[in-house]
């Protein structure tokens, strides 16, 4: 039943963009927080865990109000010589099936359940 309900919201900290600061002659890693904002509903048979993918760690499962620390990396590059205007990270998430163990299963993204996406633009500060 949980997969027939649209997935709740997630929050990221920061909420609107990721900023990498110069110099760009070495790899940078930026950490942000991903939070399942759905609260448990009292006396509800549904837990509303979400599973996420396409980040680092590559995938996981979050209980209501649980968060995870996510890493985004930027390899070395020549600033101003590459088009970075459309750089972003996309997070995809969906509800887990009712009664499922707290373990990521890729096939849950391939079923009939709704998948949501959040784009975080990446900004480069010279």
PDB file of N, CA and C in Angstrom:
ATOM      1  N   UNK A   1       0.816  -1.196   0.000  1.00  0.00           N
ATOM      2  CA  UNK A   1       0.000   0.000   0.000  1.00  0.00           C
ATOM      3  C   UNK A   1       0.861   1.261   0.000  1.00  0.00           C
ATOM      4  N   UNK A   2       2.011   1.238   0.708  1.00  0.00           N
ATOM      5  CA  UNK A   2       2.854   2.434   0.779  1.00  0.00           C
ATOM      6  C   UNK A   2       3.341   2.858  -0.601  1.00  0.00           C
ATOM      7  N   UNK A   3       3.559   1.901  -1.516  1.00  0.00           N
ATOM      8  CA  UNK A   3       4.045   2.268  -2.841  1.00  0.00           C
ATOM      9  C   UNK A   3       2.962   2.929  -3.689  1.00  0.00           C
ATOM     10  N   UNK A   4       1.683   2.800  -3.294  1.00  0.00           N
ATOM     11  CA  UNK A   4       0.621   3.475  -4.037  1.00  0.00           C
ATOM     12  C   UNK A   4       0.399   4.900  -3.537  1.00  0.00           C
ATOM     13  N   UNK A   5       1.047   5.260  -2.428  1.00  0.00           N
ATOM     14  CA  UNK A   5       0.968   6.609  -1.876  1.00  0.00           C
ATOM     15  C   UNK A   5       2.166   7.395  -2.407  1.00  0.00           C
ATOM     16  N   UNK A   6       1.956   8.637  -2.867  1.00  0.00           N
ATOM     17  CA  UNK A   6       3.108   9.415  -3.338  1.00  0.00           C
ATOM     18  C   UNK A   6       4.142   9.575  -2.221  1.00  0.00           C
ATOM     19  N   UNK A   7       5.426   9.452  -2.540  1.00  0.00           N
ATOM     20  CA  UNK A   7       6.461   9.622  -1.524  1.00  0.00           C
ATOM     21  C   UNK A   7       6.396  11.017  -0.920  1.00  0.00           C
ATOM     22  N   UNK A   8       6.651  11.093   0.365  1.00  0.00           N
ATOM     23  CA  UNK A   8       6.655  12.381   1.050  1.00  0.00           C
ATOM     24  C   UNK A   8       7.858  13.204   0.641  1.00  0.00           C
ATOM     25  N   UNK A   9       7.972  14.361   1.256  1.00  0.00           N
ATOM     26  CA  UNK A   9       9.075  15.256   0.943  1.00  0.00           C
ATOM     27  C   UNK A   9      10.367  14.810   1.616  1.00  0.00           C
ATOM     28  N   UNK A  10      11.452  15.201   0.995  1.00  0.00           N
ATOM     29  CA  UNK A  10      12.761  15.088   1.626  1.00  0.00           C
ATOM     30  C   UNK A  10      13.271  16.509   1.809  1.00  0.00           C
ATOM     31  N   UNK A  11      14.226  16.656   2.678  1.00  0.00           N
ATOM     32  CA  UNK A  11      14.895  17.940   2.845  1.00  0.00           C
ATOM     33  C   UNK A  11      16.381  17.707   2.678  1.00  0.00           C
ATOM     34  N   UNK A  12      17.059  18.710   2.166  1.00  0.00           N
ATOM     35  CA  UNK A  12      18.515  18.671   2.097  1.00  0.00           C
ATOM     36  C   UNK A  12      19.042  19.891   2.825  1.00  0.00           C
ATOM     37  N   UNK A  13      20.175  19.722   3.449  1.00  0.00           N
ATOM     38  CA  UNK A  13      20.862  20.854   4.082  1.00  0.00           C
ATOM     39  C   UNK A  13      22.253  20.909   3.495  1.00  0.00           C
ATOM     40  N   UNK A  14      22.571  21.869   2.656  1.00  0.00           N
ATOM     41  CA  UNK A  14      21.781  23.043   2.290  1.00  0.00           C
ATOM     42  C   UNK A  14      20.590  22.663   1.409  1.00  0.00           C
ATOM     43  N   UNK A  15      19.636  23.574   1.329  1.00  0.00           N
ATOM     44  CA  UNK A  15      18.384  23.263   0.684  1.00  0.00           C
ATOM     45  C   UNK A  15      18.262  23.606  -0.780  1.00  0.00           C
ATOM     46  N   UNK A  16      19.079  24.550  -1.286  1.00  0.00           N
ATOM     47  CA  UNK A  16      18.842  25.021  -2.651  1.00  0.00           C
ATOM     48  C   UNK A  16      19.990  24.815  -3.624  1.00  0.00           C
ATOM     49  N   UNK A  17      21.227  24.722  -3.152  1.00  0.00           N
ATOM     50  CA  UNK A  17      22.352  24.533  -4.067  1.00  0.00           C
ATOM     51  C   UNK A  17      23.572  24.047  -3.302  1.00  0.00           C
ATOM     52  N   UNK A  18      24.529  23.526  -4.062  1.00  0.00           N
ATOM     53  CA  UNK A  18      25.818  23.098  -3.524  1.00  0.00           C
ATOM     54  C   UNK A  18      26.872  24.006  -4.129  1.00  0.00           C
ATOM     55  N   UNK A  19      27.781  24.496  -3.295  1.00  0.00           N
ATOM     56  CA  UNK A  19      28.802  25.424  -3.771  1.00  0.00           C
ATOM     57  C   UNK A  19      30.188  24.826  -3.528  1.00  0.00           C
ATOM     58  N   UNK A  20      30.967  24.753  -4.605  1.00  0.00           N
ATOM     59  CA  UNK A  20      32.371  24.364  -4.521  1.00  0.00           C
ATOM     60  C   UNK A  20      33.209  25.620  -4.665  1.00  0.00           C
ATOM     61  N   UNK A  21      34.191  25.794  -3.782  1.00  0.00           N
ATOM     62  CA  UNK A  21      35.062  26.967  -3.813  1.00  0.00           C
ATOM     63  C   UNK A  21      36.398  26.630  -4.467  1.00  0.00           C
ATOM     64  N   UNK A  22      36.940  27.614  -5.187  1.00  0.00           N
ATOM     65  CA  UNK A  22      38.245  27.478  -5.837  1.00  0.00           C
ATOM     66  C   UNK A  22      39.320  27.312  -4.766  1.00  0.00           C
ATOM     67  N   UNK A  23      40.475  26.798  -5.095  1.00  0.00           N
ATOM     68  CA  UNK A  23      40.969  26.425  -6.419  1.00  0.00           C
ATOM     69  C   UNK A  23      40.423  25.060  -6.838  1.00  0.00           C
ATOM     70  N   UNK A  24      40.442  24.814  -8.143  1.00  0.00           N
ATOM     71  CA  UNK A  24      39.891  23.583  -8.695  1.00  0.00           C
ATOM     72  C   UNK A  24      40.972  22.673  -9.270  1.00  0.00           C
ATOM     73  N   UNK A  25      42.176  22.780  -8.735  1.00  0.00           N
ATOM     74  CA  UNK A  25      43.273  21.953  -9.224  1.00  0.00           C
ATOM     75  C   UNK A  25      43.391  20.625  -8.474  1.00  0.00           C
ATOM     76  N   UNK A  26      42.445  20.368  -7.590  1.00  0.00           N
ATOM     77  CA  UNK A  26      42.423  19.123  -6.835  1.00  0.00           C
ATOM     78  C   UNK A  26      40.968  18.720  -6.597  1.00  0.00           C
ATOM     79  N   UNK A  27      40.732  17.472  -6.293  1.00  0.00           N
ATOM     80  CA  UNK A  27      39.366  16.979  -6.044  1.00  0.00           C
ATOM     81  C   UNK A  27      38.812  17.588  -4.754  1.00  0.00           C
ATOM     82  N   UNK A  28      37.541  18.022  -4.801  1.00  0.00           N
ATOM     83  CA  UNK A  28      36.825  18.542  -3.638  1.00  0.00           C
ATOM     84  C   UNK A  28      35.675  17.597  -3.309  1.00  0.00           C
ATOM     85  N   UNK A  29      35.385  17.430  -2.030  1.00  0.00           N
ATOM     86  CA  UNK A  29      34.215  16.667  -1.606  1.00  0.00           C
ATOM     87  C   UNK A  29      33.377  17.539  -0.696  1.00  0.00           C
ATOM     88  N   UNK A  30      32.086  17.589  -0.981  1.00  0.00           N
ATOM     89  CA  UNK A  30      31.140  18.402  -0.227  1.00  0.00           C
ATOM     90  C   UNK A  30      30.123  17.451   0.394  1.00  0.00           C
ATOM     91  N   UNK A  31      29.844  17.622   1.676  1.00  0.00           N
ATOM     92  CA  UNK A  31      28.862  16.778   2.360  1.00  0.00           C
ATOM     93  C   UNK A  31      27.592  17.575   2.623  1.00  0.00           C
ATOM     94  N   UNK A  32      26.459  16.923   2.391  1.00  0.00           N
ATOM     95  CA  UNK A  32      25.190  17.541   2.729  1.00  0.00           C
ATOM     96  C   UNK A  32      24.300  16.505   3.400  1.00  0.00           C
ATOM     97  N   UNK A  33      23.272  16.995   4.082  1.00  0.00           N
ATOM     98  CA  UNK A  33      22.371  16.113   4.822  1.00  0.00           C
ATOM     99  C   UNK A  33      21.103  15.876   4.023  1.00  0.00           C
ATOM    100  N   UNK A  34      20.671  14.626   3.978  1.00  0.00           N
ATOM    101  CA  UNK A  34      19.425  14.221   3.333  1.00  0.00           C
ATOM    102  C   UNK A  34      18.502  13.707   4.436  1.00  0.00           C
ATOM    103  N   UNK A  35      17.276  14.254   4.515  1.00  0.00           N
ATOM    104  CA  UNK A  35      16.349  13.937   5.598  1.00  0.00           C
ATOM    105  C   UNK A  35      15.003  13.480   5.054  1.00  0.00           C
ATOM    106  N   UNK A  36      14.506  12.352   5.548  1.00  0.00           N
ATOM    107  CA  UNK A  36      13.143  11.909   5.261  1.00  0.00           C
ATOM    108  C   UNK A  36      12.240  12.702   6.205  1.00  0.00           C
ATOM    109  N   UNK A  37      11.520  13.679   5.689  1.00  0.00           N
ATOM    110  CA  UNK A  37      10.732  14.579   6.541  1.00  0.00           C
ATOM    111  C   UNK A  37       9.383  14.010   6.945  1.00  0.00           C
ATOM    112  N   UNK A  38       9.009  12.852   6.416  1.00  0.00           N
ATOM    113  CA  UNK A  38       7.715  12.265   6.738  1.00  0.00           C
ATOM    114  C   UNK A  38       7.717  11.802   8.189  1.00  0.00           C
ATOM    115  N   UNK A  39       6.684  12.196   8.927  1.00  0.00           N
ATOM    116  CA  UNK A  39       6.539  11.766  10.312  1.00  0.00           C
ATOM    117  C   UNK A  39       5.758  10.463  10.361  1.00  0.00           C
ATOM    118  N   UNK A  40       6.000   9.671  11.375  1.00  0.00           N
ATOM    119  CA  UNK A  40       5.185   8.467  11.574  1.00  0.00           C
ATOM    120  C   UNK A  40       3.766   8.906  11.893  1.00  0.00           C
ATOM    121  N   UNK A  41       2.806   8.209  11.340  1.00  0.00           N
ATOM    122  CA  UNK A  41       1.410   8.508  11.618  1.00  0.00           C
ATOM    123  C   UNK A  41       0.923   7.532  12.680  1.00  0.00           C
ATOM    124  N   UNK A  42       0.467   8.059  13.805  1.00  0.00           N
ATOM    125  CA  UNK A  42       0.040   7.223  14.921  1.00  0.00           C
ATOM    126  C   UNK A  42      -1.067   6.262  14.476  1.00  0.00           C
ATOM    127  N   UNK A  43      -0.963   5.033  14.899  1.00  0.00           N
ATOM    128  CA  UNK A  43      -1.924   3.969  14.601  1.00  0.00           C
ATOM    129  C   UNK A  43      -2.033   3.657  13.109  1.00  0.00           C
ATOM    130  N   UNK A  44      -1.067   4.069  12.326  1.00  0.00           N
ATOM    131  CA  UNK A  44      -1.078   3.752  10.902  1.00  0.00           C
ATOM    132  C   UNK A  44      -0.275   2.475  10.679  1.00  0.00           C
ATOM    133  N   UNK A  45      -0.733   1.594   9.797  1.00  0.00           N
ATOM    134  CA  UNK A  45       0.043   0.387   9.504  1.00  0.00           C
ATOM    135  C   UNK A  45       1.237   0.664   8.588  1.00  0.00           C
ATOM    136  N   UNK A  46       1.342   1.886   8.084  1.00  0.00           N
ATOM    137  CA  UNK A  46       2.399   2.226   7.132  1.00  0.00           C
ATOM    138  C   UNK A  46       3.539   2.961   7.833  1.00  0.00           C
ATOM    139  N   UNK A  47       4.762   2.574   7.502  1.00  0.00           N
ATOM    140  CA  UNK A  47       5.943   3.204   8.089  1.00  0.00           C
ATOM    141  C   UNK A  47       6.402   4.384   7.243  1.00  0.00           C
ATOM    142  N   UNK A  48       6.215   4.341   5.940  1.00  0.00           N
ATOM    143  CA  UNK A  48       6.658   5.370   5.007  1.00  0.00           C
ATOM    144  C   UNK A  48       8.164   5.586   5.048  1.00  0.00           C
ATOM    145  N   UNK A  49       8.876   4.471   5.001  1.00  0.00           N
ATOM    146  CA  UNK A  49      10.310   4.553   4.762  1.00  0.00           C
ATOM    147  C   UNK A  49      10.484   4.976   3.322  1.00  0.00           C
ATOM    148  N   UNK A  50      11.583   5.650   3.056  1.00  0.00           N
ATOM    149  CA  UNK A  50      11.900   5.975   1.669  1.00  0.00           C
ATOM    150  C   UNK A  50      13.233   5.329   1.318  1.00  0.00           C
ATOM    151  N   UNK A  51      13.405   5.040   0.047  1.00  0.00           N
ATOM    152  CA  UNK A  51      14.697   4.609  -0.439  1.00  0.00           C
ATOM    153  C   UNK A  51      15.188   5.678  -1.397  1.00  0.00           C
ATOM    154  N   UNK A  52      16.492   5.895  -1.421  1.00  0.00           N
ATOM    155  CA  UNK A  52      17.061   6.919  -2.285  1.00  0.00           C
ATOM    156  C   UNK A  52      18.194   6.320  -3.079  1.00  0.00           C
ATOM    157  N   UNK A  53      18.534   7.003  -4.188  1.00  0.00           N
ATOM    158  CA  UNK A  53      19.640   6.528  -5.019  1.00  0.00           C
ATOM    159  C   UNK A  53      20.250   7.697  -5.775  1.00  0.00           C
ATOM    160  N   UNK A  54      21.325   7.394  -6.473  1.00  0.00           N
ATOM    161  CA  UNK A  54      22.043   8.326  -7.349  1.00  0.00           C
ATOM    162  C   UNK A  54      22.858   9.362  -6.594  1.00  0.00           C
ATOM    163  N   UNK A  55      23.296   9.010  -5.394  1.00  0.00           N
ATOM    164  CA  UNK A  55      24.165   9.881  -4.610  1.00  0.00           C
ATOM    165  C   UNK A  55      25.283   9.018  -4.026  1.00  0.00           C
ATOM    166  N   UNK A  56      26.067   9.522  -3.083  1.00  0.00           N
ATOM    167  CA  UNK A  56      27.142   8.763  -2.444  1.00  0.00           C
ATOM    168  C   UNK A  56      26.961   8.851  -0.936  1.00  0.00           C
ATOM    169  N   UNK A  57      26.540   7.817  -0.214  1.00  0.00           N
ATOM    170  CA  UNK A  57      26.469   6.458  -0.712  1.00  0.00           C
ATOM    171  C   UNK A  57      25.437   6.331  -1.830  1.00  0.00           C
ATOM    172  N   UNK A  58      25.670   5.388  -2.731  1.00  0.00           N
ATOM    173  CA  UNK A  58      24.883   5.281  -3.959  1.00  0.00           C
ATOM    174  C   UNK A  58      23.399   5.073  -3.708  1.00  0.00           C
ATOM    175  N   UNK A  59      23.039   4.459  -2.579  1.00  0.00           N
ATOM    176  CA  UNK A  59      21.638   4.188  -2.296  1.00  0.00           C
ATOM    177  C   UNK A  59      21.477   3.887  -0.812  1.00  0.00           C
ATOM    178  N   UNK A  60      20.236   3.975  -0.343  1.00  0.00           N
ATOM    179  CA  UNK A  60      19.958   3.662   1.052  1.00  0.00           C
ATOM    180  C   UNK A  60      18.480   3.747   1.348  1.00  0.00           C
ATOM    181  N   UNK A  61      18.132   3.474   2.607  1.00  0.00           N
ATOM    182  CA  UNK A  61      16.754   3.521   3.079  1.00  0.00           C
ATOM    183  C   UNK A  61      16.726   4.370   4.338  1.00  0.00           C
ATOM    184  N   UNK A  62      15.754   5.288   4.411  1.00  0.00           N
ATOM    185  CA  UNK A  62      15.608   6.154   5.578  1.00  0.00           C
ATOM    186  C   UNK A  62      14.238   5.980   6.209  1.00  0.00           C
ATOM    187  N   UNK A  63      14.212   5.761   7.511  1.00  0.00           N
ATOM    188  CA  UNK A  63      12.966   5.762   8.258  1.00  0.00           C
ATOM    189  C   UNK A  63      12.445   7.189   8.366  1.00  0.00           C
ATOM    190  N   UNK A  64      11.175   7.374   8.763  1.00  0.00           N
ATOM    191  CA  UNK A  64      10.665   8.727   8.979  1.00  0.00           C
ATOM    192  C   UNK A  64      11.556   9.493   9.958  1.00  0.00           C
ATOM    193  N   UNK A  65      11.843  10.731   9.616  1.00  0.00           N
ATOM    194  CA  UNK A  65      12.665  11.655  10.410  1.00  0.00           C
ATOM    195  C   UNK A  65      14.131  11.258  10.502  1.00  0.00           C
ATOM    196  N   UNK A  66      14.549  10.222   9.802  1.00  0.00           N
ATOM    197  CA  UNK A  66      15.952   9.807   9.793  1.00  0.00           C
ATOM    198  C   UNK A  66      16.703  10.590   8.724  1.00  0.00           C
ATOM    199  N   UNK A  67      18.005  10.790   8.931  1.00  0.00           N
ATOM    200  CA  UNK A  67      18.804  11.500   7.934  1.00  0.00           C
ATOM    201  C   UNK A  67      20.068  10.718   7.622  1.00  0.00           C
ATOM    202  N   UNK A  68      20.697  11.121   6.525  1.00  0.00           N
ATOM    203  CA  UNK A  68      21.954  10.510   6.092  1.00  0.00           C
ATOM    204  C   UNK A  68      22.881  11.611   5.614  1.00  0.00           C
ATOM    205  N   UNK A  69      24.167  11.422   5.809  1.00  0.00           N
ATOM    206  CA  UNK A  69      25.164  12.351   5.308  1.00  0.00           C
ATOM    207  C   UNK A  69      25.601  11.852   3.932  1.00  0.00           C
ATOM    208  N   UNK A  70      25.470  12.736   2.939  1.00  0.00           N
ATOM    209  CA  UNK A  70      25.733  12.389   1.548  1.00  0.00           C
ATOM    210  C   UNK A  70      26.951  13.187   1.062  1.00  0.00           C
ATOM    211  N   UNK A  71      27.787  12.554   0.258  1.00  0.00           N
ATOM    212  CA  UNK A  71      28.977  13.204  -0.282  1.00  0.00           C
ATOM    213  C   UNK A  71      28.829  13.442  -1.779  1.00  0.00           C
ATOM    214  N   UNK A  72      29.257  14.622  -2.215  1.00  0.00           N
ATOM    215  CA  UNK A  72      29.304  14.969  -3.633  1.00  0.00           C
ATOM    216  C   UNK A  72      30.742  15.384  -3.923  1.00  0.00           C
ATOM    217  N   UNK A  73      31.323  14.854  -4.980  1.00  0.00           N
ATOM    218  CA  UNK A  73      32.706  15.172  -5.310  1.00  0.00           C
ATOM    219  C   UNK A  73      32.817  15.926  -6.624  1.00  0.00           C
ATOM    220  N   UNK A  74      33.829  16.763  -6.674  1.00  0.00           N
ATOM    221  CA  UNK A  74      34.144  17.550  -7.866  1.00  0.00           C
ATOM    222  C   UNK A  74      35.606  17.261  -8.198  1.00  0.00           C
ATOM    223  N   UNK A  75      35.842  16.651  -9.346  1.00  0.00           N
ATOM    224  CA  UNK A  75      37.208  16.381  -9.773  1.00  0.00           C
ATOM    225  C   UNK A  75      37.887  17.681 -10.204  1.00  0.00           C
ATOM    226  N   UNK A  76      39.202  17.662 -10.276  1.00  0.00           N
ATOM    227  CA  UNK A  76      39.963  18.819 -10.734  1.00  0.00           C
ATOM    228  C   UNK A  76      39.565  19.172 -12.165  1.00  0.00           C
ATOM    229  N   UNK A  77      39.497  20.476 -12.444  1.00  0.00           N
ATOM    230  CA  UNK A  77      39.180  20.932 -13.804  1.00  0.00           C
ATOM    231  C   UNK A  77      39.681  22.362 -13.967  1.00  0.00           C
ATOM    232  N   UNK A  78      39.770  22.806 -15.204  1.00  0.00           N
ATOM    233  CA  UNK A  78      40.223  24.169 -15.517  1.00  0.00           C
ATOM    234  C   UNK A  78      39.009  25.099 -15.490  1.00  0.00           C
ATOM    235  N   UNK A  79      38.874  25.867 -14.419  1.00  0.00           N
ATOM    236  CA  UNK A  79      37.725  26.763 -14.263  1.00  0.00           C
ATOM    237  C   UNK A  79      37.683  27.775 -15.417  1.00  0.00           C
ATOM    238  N   UNK A  80      36.501  27.999 -15.958  1.00  0.00           N
ATOM    239  CA  UNK A  80      36.321  28.943 -17.054  1.00  0.00           C
ATOM    240  C   UNK A  80      36.528  28.333 -18.432  1.00  0.00           C
ATOM    241  N   UNK A  81      37.078  27.129 -18.480  1.00  0.00           N
ATOM    242  CA  UNK A  81      37.315  26.474 -19.768  1.00  0.00           C
ATOM    243  C   UNK A  81      36.321  25.344 -20.037  1.00  0.00           C
ATOM    244  N   UNK A  82      35.445  25.096 -19.076  1.00  0.00           N
ATOM    245  CA  UNK A  82      34.418  24.070 -19.231  1.00  0.00           C
ATOM    246  C   UNK A  82      33.061  24.685 -18.907  1.00  0.00           C
ATOM    247  N   UNK A  83      32.026  24.204 -19.579  1.00  0.00           N
ATOM    248  CA  UNK A  83      30.674  24.686 -19.316  1.00  0.00           C
ATOM    249  C   UNK A  83      30.142  23.997 -18.062  1.00  0.00           C
ATOM    250  N   UNK A  84      29.952  24.764 -16.998  1.00  0.00           N
ATOM    251  CA  UNK A  84      29.449  24.224 -15.738  1.00  0.00           C
ATOM    252  C   UNK A  84      28.067  24.778 -15.406  1.00  0.00           C
ATOM    253  N   UNK A  85      27.440  25.471 -16.352  1.00  0.00           N
ATOM    254  CA  UNK A  85      26.158  26.136 -16.089  1.00  0.00           C
ATOM    255  C   UNK A  85      25.033  25.180 -15.715  1.00  0.00           C
ATOM    256  N   UNK A  86      25.059  23.964 -16.209  1.00  0.00           N
ATOM    257  CA  UNK A  86      23.965  23.026 -15.941  1.00  0.00           C
ATOM    258  C   UNK A  86      24.347  21.917 -14.969  1.00  0.00           C
ATOM    259  N   UNK A  87      25.463  22.086 -14.239  1.00  0.00           N
ATOM    260  CA  UNK A  87      25.874  21.061 -13.285  1.00  0.00           C
ATOM    261  C   UNK A  87      24.877  20.996 -12.138  1.00  0.00           C
ATOM    262  N   UNK A  88      24.534  19.770 -11.761  1.00  0.00           N
ATOM    263  CA  UNK A  88      23.589  19.564 -10.675  1.00  0.00           C
ATOM    264  C   UNK A  88      23.710  18.125 -10.193  1.00  0.00           C
ATOM    265  N   UNK A  89      23.157  17.879  -9.029  1.00  0.00           N
ATOM    266  CA  UNK A  89      23.013  16.512  -8.542  1.00  0.00           C
ATOM    267  C   UNK A  89      21.517  16.256  -8.438  1.00  0.00           C
ATOM    268  N   UNK A  90      21.098  15.074  -8.859  1.00  0.00           N
ATOM    269  CA  UNK A  90      19.692  14.693  -8.806  1.00  0.00           C
ATOM    270  C   UNK A  90      19.539  13.541  -7.821  1.00  0.00           C
ATOM    271  N   UNK A  91      18.639  13.724  -6.868  1.00  0.00           N
ATOM    272  CA  UNK A  91      18.336  12.693  -5.884  1.00  0.00           C
ATOM    273  C   UNK A  91      16.970  12.118  -6.239  1.00  0.00           C
ATOM    274  N   UNK A  92      16.874  10.804  -6.329  1.00  0.00           N
ATOM    275  CA  UNK A  92      15.608  10.139  -6.594  1.00  0.00           C
ATOM    276  C   UNK A  92      15.214   9.358  -5.345  1.00  0.00           C
ATOM    277  N   UNK A  93      13.897   9.363  -5.037  1.00  0.00           N
ATOM    278  CA  UNK A  93      13.425   8.590  -3.896  1.00  0.00           C
ATOM    279  C   UNK A  93      12.018   8.077  -4.133  1.00  0.00           C
ATOM    280  N   UNK A  94      11.675   7.021  -3.399  1.00  0.00           N
ATOM    281  CA  UNK A  94      10.367   6.371  -3.495  1.00  0.00           C
ATOM    282  C   UNK A  94      10.050   5.749  -2.146  1.00  0.00           C
ATOM    283  N   UNK A  95       8.790   5.387  -1.943  1.00  0.00           N
ATOM    284  CA  UNK A  95       8.409   4.658  -0.733  1.00  0.00           C
ATOM    285  C   UNK A  95       8.832   3.206  -0.862  1.00  0.00           C
ATOM    286  N   UNK A  96       9.155   2.595   0.265  1.00  0.00           N
ATOM    287  CA  UNK A  96       9.414   1.163   0.274  1.00  0.00           C
ATOM    288  C   UNK A  96       8.072   0.441   0.414  1.00  0.00           C
ATOM    289  N   UNK A  97       7.991  -0.808  -0.007  1.00  0.00           N
ATOM    290  CA  UNK A  97       6.743  -1.562   0.171  1.00  0.00           C
ATOM    291  C   UNK A  97       6.439  -1.779   1.659  1.00  0.00           C
ATOM    292  N   UNK A  98       5.164  -1.891   1.986  1.00  0.00           N
ATOM    293  CA  UNK A  98       4.760  -2.192   3.363  1.00  0.00           C
ATOM    294  C   UNK A  98       5.396  -3.488   3.825  1.00  0.00           C
ATOM    295  N   UNK A  99       5.896  -3.479   5.058  1.00  0.00           N
ATOM    296  CA  UNK A  99       6.454  -4.694   5.643  1.00  0.00           C
ATOM    297  C   UNK A  99       7.829  -5.065   5.153  1.00  0.00           C
ATOM    298  N   UNK A 100       8.405  -4.268   4.269  1.00  0.00           N
ATOM    299  CA  UNK A 100       9.728  -4.583   3.725  1.00  0.00           C
ATOM    300  C   UNK A 100      10.812  -4.336   4.770  1.00  0.00           C
ATOM    301  N   UNK A 101      11.864  -5.134   4.710  1.00  0.00           N
ATOM    302  CA  UNK A 101      13.019  -4.936   5.585  1.00  0.00           C
ATOM    303  C   UNK A 101      13.701  -3.620   5.204  1.00  0.00           C
ATOM    304  N   UNK A 102      14.429  -3.066   6.137  1.00  0.00           N
ATOM    305  CA  UNK A 102      15.141  -1.811   5.871  1.00  0.00           C
ATOM    306  C   UNK A 102      16.430  -2.122   5.107  1.00  0.00           C
ATOM    307  N   UNK A 103      16.227  -2.490   3.847  1.00  0.00           N
ATOM    308  CA  UNK A 103      17.329  -2.859   2.966  1.00  0.00           C
ATOM    309  C   UNK A 103      17.002  -2.361   1.569  1.00  0.00           C
ATOM    310  N   UNK A 104      17.949  -1.707   0.931  1.00  0.00           N
ATOM    311  CA  UNK A 104      17.726  -1.159  -0.399  1.00  0.00           C
ATOM    312  C   UNK A 104      17.548  -2.270  -1.419  1.00  0.00           C
ATOM    313  N   UNK A 105      16.533  -2.115  -2.276  1.00  0.00           N
ATOM    314  CA  UNK A 105      16.294  -3.047  -3.379  1.00  0.00           C
ATOM    315  C   UNK A 105      16.030  -2.223  -4.635  1.00  0.00           C
ATOM    316  N   UNK A 106      16.922  -2.305  -5.585  1.00  0.00           N
ATOM    317  CA  UNK A 106      16.830  -1.511  -6.817  1.00  0.00           C
ATOM    318  C   UNK A 106      15.501  -1.713  -7.547  1.00  0.00           C
ATOM    319  N   UNK A 107      14.951  -2.914  -7.495  1.00  0.00           N
ATOM    320  CA  UNK A 107      13.714  -3.179  -8.223  1.00  0.00           C
ATOM    321  C   UNK A 107      12.525  -2.370  -7.712  1.00  0.00           C
ATOM    322  N   UNK A 108      12.601  -1.822  -6.506  1.00  0.00           N
ATOM    323  CA  UNK A 108      11.505  -0.991  -6.001  1.00  0.00           C
ATOM    324  C   UNK A 108      11.361   0.296  -6.806  1.00  0.00           C
ATOM    325  N   UNK A 109      12.418   0.709  -7.483  1.00  0.00           N
ATOM    326  CA  UNK A 109      12.324   1.877  -8.365  1.00  0.00           C
ATOM    327  C   UNK A 109      11.719   1.504  -9.715  1.00  0.00           C
ATOM    328  N   UNK A 110      11.651   0.226 -10.028  1.00  0.00           N
ATOM    329  CA  UNK A 110      11.198  -0.215 -11.340  1.00  0.00           C
ATOM    330  C   UNK A 110       9.755  -0.700 -11.344  1.00  0.00           C
ATOM    331  N   UNK A 111       9.085  -0.698 -10.193  1.00  0.00           N
ATOM    332  CA  UNK A 111       7.702  -1.156 -10.117  1.00  0.00           C
ATOM    333  C   UNK A 111       6.725  -0.048 -10.491  1.00  0.00           C
ATOM    334  N   UNK A 112       5.525  -0.176  -9.991  1.00  0.00           N
ATOM    335  CA  UNK A 112       4.465   0.784 -10.300  1.00  0.00           C
ATOM    336  C   UNK A 112       4.459   1.987  -9.373  1.00  0.00           C
ATOM    337  N   UNK A 113       5.304   1.988  -8.356  1.00  0.00           N
ATOM    338  CA  UNK A 113       5.317   3.091  -7.396  1.00  0.00           C
ATOM    339  C   UNK A 113       5.848   4.379  -8.008  1.00  0.00           C
ATOM    340  N   UNK A 114       5.480   5.495  -7.399  1.00  0.00           N
ATOM    341  CA  UNK A 114       5.903   6.814  -7.864  1.00  0.00           C
ATOM    342  C   UNK A 114       7.334   7.093  -7.398  1.00  0.00           C
ATOM    343  N   UNK A 115       8.132   7.655  -8.275  1.00  0.00           N
ATOM    344  CA  UNK A 115       9.497   8.075  -7.961  1.00  0.00           C
ATOM    345  C   UNK A 115       9.540   9.593  -8.044  1.00  0.00           C
ATOM    346  N   UNK A 116      10.097  10.223  -7.005  1.00  0.00           N
ATOM    347  CA  UNK A 116      10.243  11.675  -7.019  1.00  0.00           C
ATOM    348  C   UNK A 116      11.706  12.035  -7.208  1.00  0.00           C
ATOM    349  N   UNK A 117      11.950  13.258  -7.651  1.00  0.00           N
ATOM    350  CA  UNK A 117      13.309  13.742  -7.902  1.00  0.00           C
ATOM    351  C   UNK A 117      13.476  15.152  -7.345  1.00  0.00           C
ATOM    352  N   UNK A 118      14.683  15.406  -6.866  1.00  0.00           N
ATOM    353  CA  UNK A 118      15.051  16.756  -6.445  1.00  0.00           C
ATOM    354  C   UNK A 118      16.393  17.077  -7.082  1.00  0.00           C
ATOM    355  N   UNK A 119      16.467  18.224  -7.749  1.00  0.00           N
ATOM    356  CA  UNK A 119      17.713  18.682  -8.351  1.00  0.00           C
ATOM    357  C   UNK A 119      18.339  19.740  -7.453  1.00  0.00           C
ATOM    358  N   UNK A 120      19.616  19.572  -7.151  1.00  0.00           N
ATOM    359  CA  UNK A 120      20.383  20.595  -6.446  1.00  0.00           C
ATOM    360  C   UNK A 120      21.424  21.136  -7.424  1.00  0.00           C
ATOM    361  N   UNK A 121      21.277  22.395  -7.852  1.00  0.00           N
ATOM    362  CA  UNK A 121      22.276  22.978  -8.735  1.00  0.00           C
ATOM    363  C   UNK A 121      23.632  23.046  -8.042  1.00  0.00           C
ATOM    364  N   UNK A 122      24.680  22.928  -8.839  1.00  0.00           N
ATOM    365  CA  UNK A 122      26.052  23.064  -8.329  1.00  0.00           C
ATOM    366  C   UNK A 122      26.611  24.383  -8.841  1.00  0.00           C
ATOM    367  N   UNK A 123      27.142  25.161  -7.926  1.00  0.00           N
ATOM    368  CA  UNK A 123      27.718  26.464  -8.244  1.00  0.00           C
ATOM    369  C   UNK A 123      29.209  26.411  -7.933  1.00  0.00           C
ATOM    370  N   UNK A 124      29.988  27.059  -8.780  1.00  0.00           N
ATOM    371  CA  UNK A 124      31.445  27.104  -8.600  1.00  0.00           C
ATOM    372  C   UNK A 124      31.847  28.532  -8.285  1.00  0.00           C
ATOM    373  N   UNK A 125      32.475  28.724  -7.123  1.00  0.00           N
ATOM    374  CA  UNK A 125      32.860  30.048  -6.670  1.00  0.00           C
ATOM    375  C   UNK A 125      34.355  30.255  -6.922  1.00  0.00           C
ATOM    376  N   UNK A 126      34.694  31.159  -7.872  1.00  0.00           N
ATOM    377  CA  UNK A 126      36.118  31.347  -8.191  1.00  0.00           C
ATOM    378  C   UNK A 126      36.818  32.078  -7.069  1.00  0.00           C
TER     379      UNK A 126
END
